Amino acid sequence: MPITVEEKAESRTQTTGDNPSVELVYIVRGADDDLAVRAALEAFAPATYDGLPRQSVGIEPAGPQLWDGSARYAPLDDSSSIQPGESVFTFDTGGGTQRITQSLATVGIFAPAGQTAPNFKGAIGVTDSGVEGVDIAVPVYNFTETHVLADSVVTPTYKTLLSIMTGKVNSDAFRNFSPGEVLFLGATGSQRGAPGAGGDWEITFRFAASFNATGLTAGDITGIAKKGWEYLWVRYEDVEDAAAQTIVKQPVAAYVERVYLELPFTVLGI
């Protein structure tokens, strides 16, 4: 038996004034599946009524394969929403953490009287088996941008693009940041107005910026350069420390690895 939807005679309860609203009420027959009933009601009830967008649809069971349904229409509440052509920007400098195995400088070396402490060339937490390192706070500039985009822009293809771009780093200059400094963390969006009515989309884009660096050192290795989201790691080997008359671990090579794919952020369209 197909699902049928009929508007009740007592439908179209309406209020006017500063907060106009209309409620249309229905009777739905032909199914016990609440999801199927709701879908049928959403397809039947108009997206707008008397210039008011549909805000909600509700159903209540009234008997076997029998449901009471309602659709409420009211103006959009844009008191906390941005308007087309406007944008909202937020930021924080909470930073992040990173495990490092090299210090910027060794500022103190101490040993018992008459002995010379081994020189590890800035390596942190050296043991017989390796270099343990330490977790430190590092500067990360987190920021968000909220934009209103037309329904014609936020197509299924565009939503897929946002998913593909998540976890990518800018290959072009973006918001006064150099290539390699901005990581796209993803976006959240919601459509304003009734479903299917073609309303604008309010989308918040999330980013994190880590700055490019040059002139880094690791022990006797100098001139290291890395982009903000590239990863620097150091290889250590056993080296003889003649002064301390012992074998120590010291940095012998530094490597800069690209761990995020770089793409142009112009495709975000913001």
Protein backbone atom coordinates (compact mmCIF):
# COMPACT_ATOMS: atom_id res chain seq x y z
CA MET A 1 0.00 0.00 0.00
CA PRO A 2 1.54 3.35 -0.98
CA ILE A 3 1.96 6.09 1.61
CA THR A 4 -0.61 8.87 1.26
CA VAL A 5 -0.48 12.36 2.77
CA GLU A 6 -3.55 14.59 3.16
CA GLU A 7 -3.86 18.02 4.71
CA LYS A 8 -6.42 18.17 7.52
CA ALA A 9 -9.37 20.53 7.42
CA GLU A 10 -8.24 22.27 10.63
CA SER A 11 -4.83 23.02 9.09
CA ARG A 12 -3.13 26.40 8.56
CA THR A 13 -3.07 27.80 12.08
CA GLN A 14 -1.45 31.19 11.60
CA THR A 15 0.00 33.99 13.75
CA THR A 16 0.90 37.45 12.49
CA GLY A 17 2.84 40.44 13.75
CA ASP A 18 6.56 40.67 14.44
CA ASN A 19 6.93 36.87 14.61
CA PRO A 20 4.61 35.40 11.98
CA SER A 21 4.27 31.64 11.74
CA VAL A 22 2.04 29.02 10.15
CA GLU A 23 1.46 25.37 11.04
CA LEU A 24 0.05 22.97 8.48
CA VAL A 25 -1.25 19.65 9.82
CA TYR A 26 -1.62 16.39 7.93
CA ILE A 27 -2.76 12.80 8.18
CA VAL A 28 -0.40 10.17 6.78
CA ARG A 29 -1.46 6.61 5.96
CA GLY A 30 0.13 3.44 4.62
CA ALA A 31 3.27 2.68 6.69
CA ASP A 32 4.56 1.87 10.17
CA ASP A 33 8.12 2.99 9.36
CA ASP A 34 8.54 6.44 10.92
CA LEU A 35 11.46 7.33 8.64
CA ALA A 36 9.44 6.51 5.52
CA VAL A 37 6.49 8.51 6.88
CA ARG A 38 8.66 11.52 7.64
CA ALA A 39 10.25 11.37 4.19
CA ALA A 40 6.81 11.25 2.56
CA LEU A 41 5.64 14.24 4.60
CA GLU A 42 8.77 16.25 3.80
CA ALA A 43 8.24 15.55 0.10
CA PHE A 44 4.56 16.56 0.26
CA ALA A 45 4.69 19.68 2.47
CA PRO A 46 5.73 22.81 0.54
CA ALA A 47 9.20 24.23 1.15
CA THR A 48 7.70 27.67 1.73
CA TYR A 49 4.23 28.95 2.65
CA ASP A 50 3.11 32.56 2.26
CA GLY A 51 6.75 33.61 1.92
CA LEU A 52 7.83 31.78 5.09
CA PRO A 53 10.42 28.96 4.88
CA ARG A 54 9.66 25.56 6.38
CA GLN A 55 11.49 25.24 9.69
CA SER A 56 10.50 21.76 10.91
CA VAL A 57 8.44 18.65 10.20
CA GLY A 58 6.98 16.43 12.93
CA ILE A 59 5.02 13.16 13.08
CA GLU A 60 3.10 11.35 15.83
CA PRO A 61 1.61 7.82 15.64
CA ALA A 62 -2.19 7.78 15.62
CA GLY A 63 -2.87 4.08 14.91
CA PRO A 64 -1.73 1.15 12.76
CA GLN A 65 -0.17 2.68 9.64
CA LEU A 66 -1.72 6.00 10.66
CA TRP A 67 0.16 9.17 11.64
CA ASP A 68 -0.52 12.79 12.51
CA GLY A 69 1.93 15.12 10.81
CA SER A 70 2.77 18.81 10.98
CA ALA A 71 4.97 21.33 9.19
CA ARG A 72 5.91 24.65 10.80
CA TYR A 73 6.80 27.78 8.83
CA ALA A 74 8.50 30.85 10.28
CA PRO A 75 11.10 33.49 9.38
CA LEU A 76 14.77 32.55 9.61
CA ASP A 77 16.51 33.60 12.79
CA ASP A 78 19.61 35.33 11.44
CA SER A 79 20.43 37.16 14.67
CA SER A 80 23.58 35.09 15.15
CA SER A 81 24.31 34.40 11.48
CA ILE A 82 26.43 36.33 9.07
CA GLN A 83 24.91 37.74 5.92
CA PRO A 84 26.00 37.28 2.30
CA GLY A 85 29.11 39.32 1.68
CA GLU A 86 30.13 39.23 5.36
CA SER A 87 32.77 37.03 7.01
CA VAL A 88 33.75 36.14 10.57
CA PHE A 89 37.35 35.44 11.60
CA THR A 90 38.64 33.90 14.85
CA PHE A 91 42.10 32.87 16.00
CA ASP A 92 44.07 31.47 18.91
CA THR A 93 47.76 30.92 19.57
CA GLY A 94 47.40 27.94 21.85
CA GLY A 95 50.17 26.16 19.97
CA GLY A 96 50.93 22.46 19.95
CA THR A 97 53.52 20.00 21.20
CA GLN A 98 56.44 18.35 19.46
CA ARG A 99 59.08 15.85 20.51
CA ILE A 100 62.57 17.15 19.82
CA THR A 101 65.89 15.37 20.17
CA GLN A 102 68.13 18.44 19.75
CA SER A 103 68.33 21.57 21.92
CA LEU A 104 68.91 25.07 20.60
CA ALA A 105 72.00 25.25 22.80
CA THR A 106 73.57 23.36 25.68
CA VAL A 107 73.90 26.01 28.39
CA GLY A 108 75.47 23.88 31.11
CA ILE A 109 77.59 20.73 31.36
CA PHE A 110 78.55 19.40 34.79
CA ALA A 111 80.71 16.49 35.87
CA PRO A 112 82.41 15.26 39.06
CA ALA A 113 85.66 16.97 40.00
CA GLY A 114 88.54 15.73 37.87
CA GLN A 115 86.25 14.25 35.19
CA THR A 116 85.05 15.55 31.82
CA ALA A 117 81.38 15.13 30.88
CA PRO A 118 80.69 13.70 27.40
CA ASN A 119 79.64 16.26 24.78
CA PHE A 120 76.51 15.10 22.94
CA LYS A 121 76.37 18.19 20.66
CA GLY A 122 72.91 19.20 21.87
CA ALA A 123 71.31 15.74 21.83
CA ILE A 124 68.68 15.44 24.58
CA GLY A 125 68.19 12.40 26.82
CA VAL A 126 71.02 10.28 25.45
CA THR A 127 71.10 6.67 26.61
CA ASP A 128 73.25 3.73 25.63
CA SER A 129 70.61 2.62 23.14
CA GLY A 130 69.44 5.92 21.65
CA VAL A 131 68.26 9.51 22.10
CA GLU A 132 64.98 9.91 23.99
CA GLY A 133 64.31 13.61 23.38
CA VAL A 134 61.67 15.73 25.13
CA ASP A 135 58.17 17.08 24.37
CA ILE A 136 58.00 20.88 24.12
CA ALA A 137 55.35 23.49 23.29
CA VAL A 138 55.72 24.87 19.77
CA PRO A 139 54.01 27.91 18.21
CA VAL A 140 50.97 27.06 16.11
CA TYR A 141 48.60 29.80 14.95
CA ASN A 142 45.07 28.37 14.74
CA PHE A 143 42.40 30.36 12.94
CA THR A 144 38.92 29.96 11.47
CA GLU A 145 37.00 31.78 8.78
CA THR A 146 33.22 31.66 8.40
CA HIS A 147 31.80 32.59 4.99
CA VAL A 148 28.36 32.56 3.40
CA LEU A 149 28.39 30.80 0.03
CA ALA A 150 25.57 30.53 -2.47
CA ASP A 151 23.79 27.20 -2.90
CA SER A 152 25.01 27.15 -6.52
CA VAL A 153 28.61 27.09 -5.23
CA VAL A 154 28.22 24.40 -2.54
CA THR A 155 27.61 21.53 -4.93
CA PRO A 156 28.33 17.87 -4.16
CA THR A 157 31.57 18.34 -6.08
CA TYR A 158 32.56 21.28 -3.85
CA LYS A 159 31.79 19.29 -0.68
CA THR A 160 33.98 16.47 -1.98
CA LEU A 161 36.71 19.00 -2.75
CA LEU A 162 36.67 20.22 0.86
CA SER A 163 37.13 16.64 2.01
CA ILE A 164 40.04 16.13 -0.39
CA MET A 165 41.69 19.40 0.70
CA THR A 166 41.52 18.49 4.40
CA GLY A 167 45.00 17.67 5.68
CA LYS A 168 46.72 19.53 2.84
CA VAL A 169 49.23 22.40 3.04
CA ASN A 170 49.18 25.54 0.90
CA SER A 171 51.41 25.46 -2.16
CA ASP A 172 50.58 29.12 -2.85
CA ALA A 173 50.61 32.25 -0.68
CA PHE A 174 47.51 32.28 1.55
CA ARG A 175 46.32 34.96 4.01
CA ASN A 176 49.78 36.56 4.24
CA PHE A 177 51.40 33.19 4.90
CA SER A 178 54.11 31.76 2.67
CA PRO A 179 53.75 28.44 0.83
CA GLY A 180 54.12 25.52 3.21
CA GLU A 181 52.93 27.35 6.33
CA VAL A 182 49.16 26.70 6.45
CA LEU A 183 47.49 23.34 7.09
CA PHE A 184 43.76 23.02 6.21
CA LEU A 185 42.02 21.18 9.05
CA GLY A 186 38.62 20.87 7.38
CA ALA A 187 35.27 22.67 7.22
CA THR A 188 31.79 22.46 8.72
CA GLY A 189 28.72 23.90 7.04
CA SER A 190 24.98 24.22 7.30
CA GLN A 191 22.37 25.40 4.83
CA ARG A 192 20.17 28.25 5.91
CA GLY A 193 16.45 27.98 5.27
CA ALA A 194 14.22 25.02 4.54
CA PRO A 195 15.78 21.85 3.10
CA GLY A 196 15.66 21.92 -0.68
CA ALA A 197 14.78 25.62 -0.79
CA GLY A 198 18.18 26.60 -2.19
CA GLY A 199 19.29 28.72 0.76
CA ASP A 200 22.80 30.03 1.30
CA TRP A 201 25.43 27.92 3.08
CA GLU A 202 27.27 29.13 6.17
CA ILE A 203 30.64 27.35 6.19
CA THR A 204 33.44 27.57 8.76
CA PHE A 205 36.95 26.75 7.52
CA ARG A 206 39.63 25.74 10.06
CA PHE A 207 43.36 26.27 9.57
CA ALA A 208 46.63 25.96 11.51
CA ALA A 209 49.79 27.87 10.63
CA SER A 210 53.35 26.86 11.48
CA PHE A 211 56.11 29.12 10.22
CA ASN A 212 58.89 28.25 7.78
CA ALA A 213 62.38 28.26 9.31
CA THR A 214 65.93 28.68 8.06
CA GLY A 215 69.36 28.66 9.69
CA LEU A 216 68.61 25.71 11.96
CA THR A 217 71.43 23.66 13.47
CA ALA A 218 71.87 20.15 14.82
CA GLY A 219 75.21 19.74 16.53
CA ASP A 220 77.86 20.65 13.97
CA ILE A 221 75.31 20.55 11.11
CA THR A 222 74.28 24.06 10.06
CA GLY A 223 72.16 25.77 7.40
CA ILE A 224 69.10 23.54 7.81
CA ALA A 225 65.87 24.94 6.28
CA LYS A 226 62.36 23.53 6.56
CA LYS A 227 58.84 24.61 5.74
CA GLY A 228 56.37 24.96 8.57
CA TRP A 229 54.68 21.57 8.21
CA GLU A 230 57.71 19.59 7.07
CA TYR A 231 59.29 17.27 9.61
CA LEU A 232 62.91 17.52 10.72
CA TRP A 233 64.66 14.55 12.25
CA VAL A 234 68.26 13.82 13.18
CA ARG A 235 70.35 10.69 12.80
CA TYR A 236 72.84 9.90 15.56
CA GLU A 237 75.93 7.70 15.53
CA ASP A 238 78.49 6.63 18.09
CA VAL A 239 81.44 9.03 18.01
CA GLU A 240 84.60 9.08 20.10
CA ASP A 241 84.78 11.99 22.55
CA ALA A 242 88.53 12.30 23.10
CA ALA A 243 88.21 14.80 25.93
CA ALA A 244 85.89 12.56 27.93
CA GLN A 245 87.63 9.41 26.69
CA THR A 246 84.33 7.70 25.90
CA ILE A 247 82.01 6.85 23.01
CA VAL A 248 79.02 9.22 22.70
CA LYS A 249 76.06 9.64 20.39
CA GLN A 250 76.23 12.78 18.28
CA PRO A 251 74.17 14.05 15.30
CA VAL A 252 75.74 13.07 11.99
CA ALA A 253 72.91 13.92 9.57
CA ALA A 254 69.66 15.90 9.50
CA TYR A 255 66.69 15.13 7.27
CA VAL A 256 63.70 17.28 6.28
CA GLU A 257 60.67 15.24 5.25
CA ARG A 258 57.49 16.36 3.49
CA VAL A 259 54.61 14.63 5.27
CA TYR A 260 51.63 16.62 3.91
CA LEU A 261 50.67 16.99 0.27
CA GLU A 262 50.84 20.59 -0.96
CA LEU A 263 47.94 21.99 -3.04
CA PRO A 264 46.80 25.51 -4.01
CA PHE A 265 44.27 26.94 -1.55
CA THR A 266 42.74 29.09 -4.28
CA VAL A 267 40.46 26.13 -5.02
CA LEU A 268 38.68 26.75 -1.68
CA GLY A 269 37.07 29.79 -3.27
CA ILE A 270 37.34 32.06 -0.23
